[in-house]
Amino acid sequence: MENAANKCGVVARFFDFIFVGGFAALAILYCILWLPNPANKSKIGTADYVLVGYWIFFALFMLGVVLRLEVMLINFGFIDHVLYKSLFYVL
Protein backbone atom coordinates (compact mmCIF):
# COMPACT_ATOMS: atom_id res chain seq x y z
CA MET A 1 0.00 0.00 0.00
CA GLU A 2 2.83 2.39 0.82
CA ASN A 3 4.44 1.75 -2.56
CA ALA A 4 1.26 2.83 -4.37
CA ALA A 5 1.09 6.01 -2.30
CA ASN A 6 4.72 6.74 -3.15
CA LYS A 7 4.00 6.30 -6.87
CA CYS A 8 1.02 8.66 -6.60
CA GLY A 9 3.29 11.18 -4.88
CA VAL A 10 5.78 10.97 -7.75
CA VAL A 11 3.03 11.49 -10.33
CA ALA A 12 1.65 14.43 -8.33
CA ARG A 13 5.11 16.00 -8.16
CA PHE A 14 5.45 15.59 -11.94
CA PHE A 15 2.17 17.44 -12.44
CA ASP A 16 3.38 20.15 -10.06
CA PHE A 17 6.26 20.77 -12.46
CA ILE A 18 3.80 20.83 -15.37
CA PHE A 19 1.68 23.47 -13.63
CA VAL A 20 4.74 25.63 -12.86
CA GLY A 21 5.84 25.51 -16.48
CA GLY A 22 2.34 26.07 -17.80
CA PHE A 23 1.57 29.13 -15.70
CA ALA A 24 5.01 30.63 -16.36
CA ALA A 25 4.69 29.99 -20.09
CA LEU A 26 1.25 31.60 -20.17
CA ALA A 27 2.53 34.72 -18.44
CA ILE A 28 5.64 35.03 -20.60
CA LEU A 29 3.93 34.32 -23.90
CA TYR A 30 1.08 36.70 -23.10
CA CYS A 31 3.60 39.47 -22.39
CA ILE A 32 5.59 38.72 -25.54
CA LEU A 33 2.82 38.05 -28.05
CA TRP A 34 -0.28 39.93 -26.91
CA LEU A 35 0.64 43.04 -24.95
CA PRO A 36 2.95 44.77 -27.46
CA ASN A 37 0.92 43.65 -30.49
CA PRO A 38 -0.38 46.75 -32.33
CA ALA A 39 -2.84 44.58 -34.26
CA ASN A 40 -5.09 44.01 -31.24
CA LYS A 41 -7.78 46.62 -31.37
CA SER A 42 -8.50 46.78 -27.67
CA LYS A 43 -6.42 48.86 -25.33
CA ILE A 44 -4.24 47.22 -22.75
CA GLY A 45 -6.02 47.62 -19.46
CA THR A 46 -6.03 46.61 -15.85
CA ALA A 47 -7.53 43.21 -16.69
CA ASP A 48 -4.44 42.31 -18.71
CA TYR A 49 -2.13 43.10 -15.82
CA VAL A 50 -4.33 41.24 -13.36
CA LEU A 51 -4.33 38.18 -15.61
CA VAL A 52 -0.55 38.18 -15.96
CA GLY A 53 -0.20 38.74 -12.20
CA TYR A 54 -2.54 35.79 -11.58
CA TRP A 55 -0.41 33.52 -13.76
CA ILE A 56 2.82 34.69 -12.12
CA PHE A 57 1.36 34.23 -8.63
CA PHE A 58 0.24 30.67 -9.34
CA ALA A 59 3.55 29.83 -11.04
CA LEU A 60 5.35 30.94 -7.87
CA PHE A 61 2.80 29.17 -5.67
CA MET A 62 3.24 25.91 -7.54
CA LEU A 63 7.02 26.36 -7.45
CA GLY A 64 6.75 26.53 -3.68
CA VAL A 65 4.72 23.32 -3.77
CA VAL A 66 7.39 21.62 -5.90
CA LEU A 67 10.15 22.76 -3.56
CA ARG A 68 8.02 21.68 -0.57
CA LEU A 69 8.66 24.89 1.34
CA GLU A 70 8.00 24.48 5.04
CA VAL A 71 5.93 27.64 5.31
CA MET A 72 3.63 26.36 2.56
CA LEU A 73 3.26 22.94 4.13
CA ILE A 74 2.27 24.58 7.42
CA ASN A 75 -0.20 27.09 5.98
CA PHE A 76 -1.61 25.06 3.10
CA GLY A 77 -2.17 21.60 4.52
CA PHE A 78 -3.92 20.29 1.43
CA ILE A 79 -0.71 20.26 -0.62
CA ASP A 80 0.78 17.55 1.58
CA HIS A 81 -1.88 14.97 0.65
CA VAL A 82 -2.28 13.63 -2.90
CA LEU A 83 -6.07 13.42 -2.82
CA TYR A 84 -6.55 16.96 -1.52
CA LYS A 85 -4.02 18.32 -3.99
CA SER A 86 -5.86 16.55 -6.81
CA LEU A 87 -9.08 18.25 -5.78
CA PHE A 88 -7.22 21.58 -5.79
CA TYR A 89 -6.09 20.92 -9.37
CA VAL A 90 -9.59 20.02 -10.49
CA LEU A 91 -11.12 23.12 -8.99
C-alpha atoms as a PDB file:
ATOM      1  CA  MET A   1       0.000   0.000   0.000  1.00  0.00           C
ATOM      2  CA  GLU A   2       2.831   2.392   0.823  1.00  0.00           C
ATOM      3  CA  ASN A   3       4.444   1.747  -2.560  1.00  0.00           C
ATOM      4  CA  ALA A   4       1.260   2.826  -4.367  1.00  0.00           C
ATOM      5  CA  ALA A   5       1.092   6.010  -2.297  1.00  0.00           C
ATOM      6  CA  ASN A   6       4.716   6.736  -3.147  1.00  0.00           C
ATOM      7  CA  LYS A   7       3.995   6.299  -6.868  1.00  0.00           C
ATOM      8  CA  CYS A   8       1.021   8.665  -6.597  1.00  0.00           C
ATOM      9  CA  GLY A   9       3.288  11.183  -4.882  1.00  0.00           C
ATOM     10  CA  VAL A  10       5.782  10.966  -7.751  1.00  0.00           C
ATOM     11  CA  VAL A  11       3.030  11.488 -10.325  1.00  0.00           C
ATOM     12  CA  ALA A  12       1.652  14.431  -8.331  1.00  0.00           C
ATOM     13  CA  ARG A  13       5.109  15.996  -8.157  1.00  0.00           C
ATOM     14  CA  PHE A  14       5.450  15.589 -11.937  1.00  0.00           C
ATOM     15  CA  PHE A  15       2.169  17.445 -12.440  1.00  0.00           C
ATOM     16  CA  ASP A  16       3.378  20.147 -10.063  1.00  0.00           C
ATOM     17  CA  PHE A  17       6.259  20.771 -12.464  1.00  0.00           C
ATOM     18  CA  ILE A  18       3.804  20.830 -15.373  1.00  0.00           C
ATOM     19  CA  PHE A  19       1.681  23.467 -13.628  1.00  0.00           C
ATOM     20  CA  VAL A  20       4.738  25.626 -12.859  1.00  0.00           C
ATOM     21  CA  GLY A  21       5.844  25.514 -16.481  1.00  0.00           C
ATOM     22  CA  GLY A  22       2.344  26.073 -17.801  1.00  0.00           C
ATOM     23  CA  PHE A  23       1.572  29.131 -15.701  1.00  0.00           C
ATOM     24  CA  ALA A  24       5.008  30.626 -16.357  1.00  0.00           C
ATOM     25  CA  ALA A  25       4.690  29.989 -20.090  1.00  0.00           C
ATOM     26  CA  LEU A  26       1.248  31.598 -20.166  1.00  0.00           C
ATOM     27  CA  ALA A  27       2.534  34.722 -18.437  1.00  0.00           C
ATOM     28  CA  ILE A  28       5.635  35.025 -20.600  1.00  0.00           C
ATOM     29  CA  LEU A  29       3.930  34.317 -23.904  1.00  0.00           C
ATOM     30  CA  TYR A  30       1.082  36.699 -23.105  1.00  0.00           C
ATOM     31  CA  CYS A  31       3.598  39.467 -22.390  1.00  0.00           C
ATOM     32  CA  ILE A  32       5.587  38.721 -25.545  1.00  0.00           C
ATOM     33  CA  LEU A  33       2.816  38.045 -28.048  1.00  0.00           C
ATOM     34  CA  TRP A  34      -0.285  39.932 -26.912  1.00  0.00           C
ATOM     35  CA  LEU A  35       0.637  43.041 -24.953  1.00  0.00           C
ATOM     36  CA  PRO A  36       2.954  44.769 -27.459  1.00  0.00           C
ATOM     37  CA  ASN A  37       0.918  43.654 -30.490  1.00  0.00           C
ATOM     38  CA  PRO A  38      -0.378  46.746 -32.326  1.00  0.00           C
ATOM     39  CA  ALA A  39      -2.844  44.580 -34.260  1.00  0.00           C
ATOM     40  CA  ASN A  40      -5.092  44.012 -31.245  1.00  0.00           C
ATOM     41  CA  LYS A  41      -7.785  46.624 -31.370  1.00  0.00           C
ATOM     42  CA  SER A  42      -8.505  46.778 -27.670  1.00  0.00           C
ATOM     43  CA  LYS A  43      -6.418  48.858 -25.329  1.00  0.00           C
ATOM     44  CA  ILE A  44      -4.243  47.215 -22.751  1.00  0.00           C
ATOM     45  CA  GLY A  45      -6.023  47.623 -19.455  1.00  0.00           C
ATOM     46  CA  THR A  46      -6.034  46.606 -15.851  1.00  0.00           C
ATOM     47  CA  ALA A  47      -7.526  43.211 -16.689  1.00  0.00           C
ATOM     48  CA  ASP A  48      -4.436  42.308 -18.709  1.00  0.00           C
ATOM     49  CA  TYR A  49      -2.126  43.101 -15.823  1.00  0.00           C
ATOM     50  CA  VAL A  50      -4.333  41.240 -13.358  1.00  0.00           C
ATOM     51  CA  LEU A  51      -4.332  38.182 -15.612  1.00  0.00           C
ATOM     52  CA  VAL A  52      -0.548  38.177 -15.960  1.00  0.00           C
ATOM     53  CA  GLY A  53      -0.204  38.736 -12.203  1.00  0.00           C
ATOM     54  CA  TYR A  54      -2.538  35.792 -11.579  1.00  0.00           C
ATOM     55  CA  TRP A  55      -0.412  33.520 -13.759  1.00  0.00           C
ATOM     56  CA  ILE A  56       2.824  34.688 -12.116  1.00  0.00           C
ATOM     57  CA  PHE A  57       1.363  34.226  -8.632  1.00  0.00           C
ATOM     58  CA  PHE A  58       0.245  30.667  -9.339  1.00  0.00           C
ATOM     59  CA  ALA A  59       3.553  29.827 -11.039  1.00  0.00           C
ATOM     60  CA  LEU A  60       5.355  30.943  -7.869  1.00  0.00           C
ATOM     61  CA  PHE A  61       2.801  29.167  -5.669  1.00  0.00           C
ATOM     62  CA  MET A  62       3.243  25.909  -7.538  1.00  0.00           C
ATOM     63  CA  LEU A  63       7.020  26.356  -7.454  1.00  0.00           C
ATOM     64  CA  GLY A  64       6.748  26.530  -3.681  1.00  0.00           C
ATOM     65  CA  VAL A  65       4.717  23.321  -3.767  1.00  0.00           C
ATOM     66  CA  VAL A  66       7.386  21.625  -5.899  1.00  0.00           C
ATOM     67  CA  LEU A  67      10.152  22.761  -3.561  1.00  0.00           C
ATOM     68  CA  ARG A  68       8.024  21.684  -0.569  1.00  0.00           C
ATOM     69  CA  LEU A  69       8.664  24.887   1.343  1.00  0.00           C
ATOM     70  CA  GLU A  70       8.002  24.475   5.037  1.00  0.00           C
ATOM     71  CA  VAL A  71       5.930  27.641   5.307  1.00  0.00           C
ATOM     72  CA  MET A  72       3.627  26.361   2.561  1.00  0.00           C
ATOM     73  CA  LEU A  73       3.258  22.939   4.133  1.00  0.00           C
ATOM     74  CA  ILE A  74       2.271  24.579   7.419  1.00  0.00           C
ATOM     75  CA  ASN A  75      -0.199  27.094   5.981  1.00  0.00           C
ATOM     76  CA  PHE A  76      -1.614  25.064   3.095  1.00  0.00           C
ATOM     77  CA  GLY A  77      -2.170  21.602   4.518  1.00  0.00           C
ATOM     78  CA  PHE A  78      -3.921  20.293   1.425  1.00  0.00           C
ATOM     79  CA  ILE A  79      -0.706  20.259  -0.619  1.00  0.00           C
ATOM     80  CA  ASP A  80       0.776  17.548   1.585  1.00  0.00           C
ATOM     81  CA  HIS A  81      -1.883  14.974   0.651  1.00  0.00           C
ATOM     82  CA  VAL A  82      -2.275  13.628  -2.900  1.00  0.00           C
ATOM     83  CA  LEU A  83      -6.074  13.422  -2.820  1.00  0.00           C
ATOM     84  CA  TYR A  84      -6.548  16.962  -1.522  1.00  0.00           C
ATOM     85  CA  LYS A  85      -4.017  18.324  -3.986  1.00  0.00           C
ATOM     86  CA  SER A  86      -5.862  16.545  -6.813  1.00  0.00           C
ATOM     87  CA  LEU A  87      -9.082  18.249  -5.781  1.00  0.00           C
ATOM     88  CA  PHE A  88      -7.223  21.583  -5.790  1.00  0.00           C
ATOM     89  CA  TYR A  89      -6.090  20.921  -9.369  1.00  0.00           C
ATOM     90  CA  VAL A  90      -9.589  20.022 -10.486  1.00  0.00           C
ATOM     91  CA  LEU A  91     -11.118  23.116  -8.986  1.00  0.00           C
END
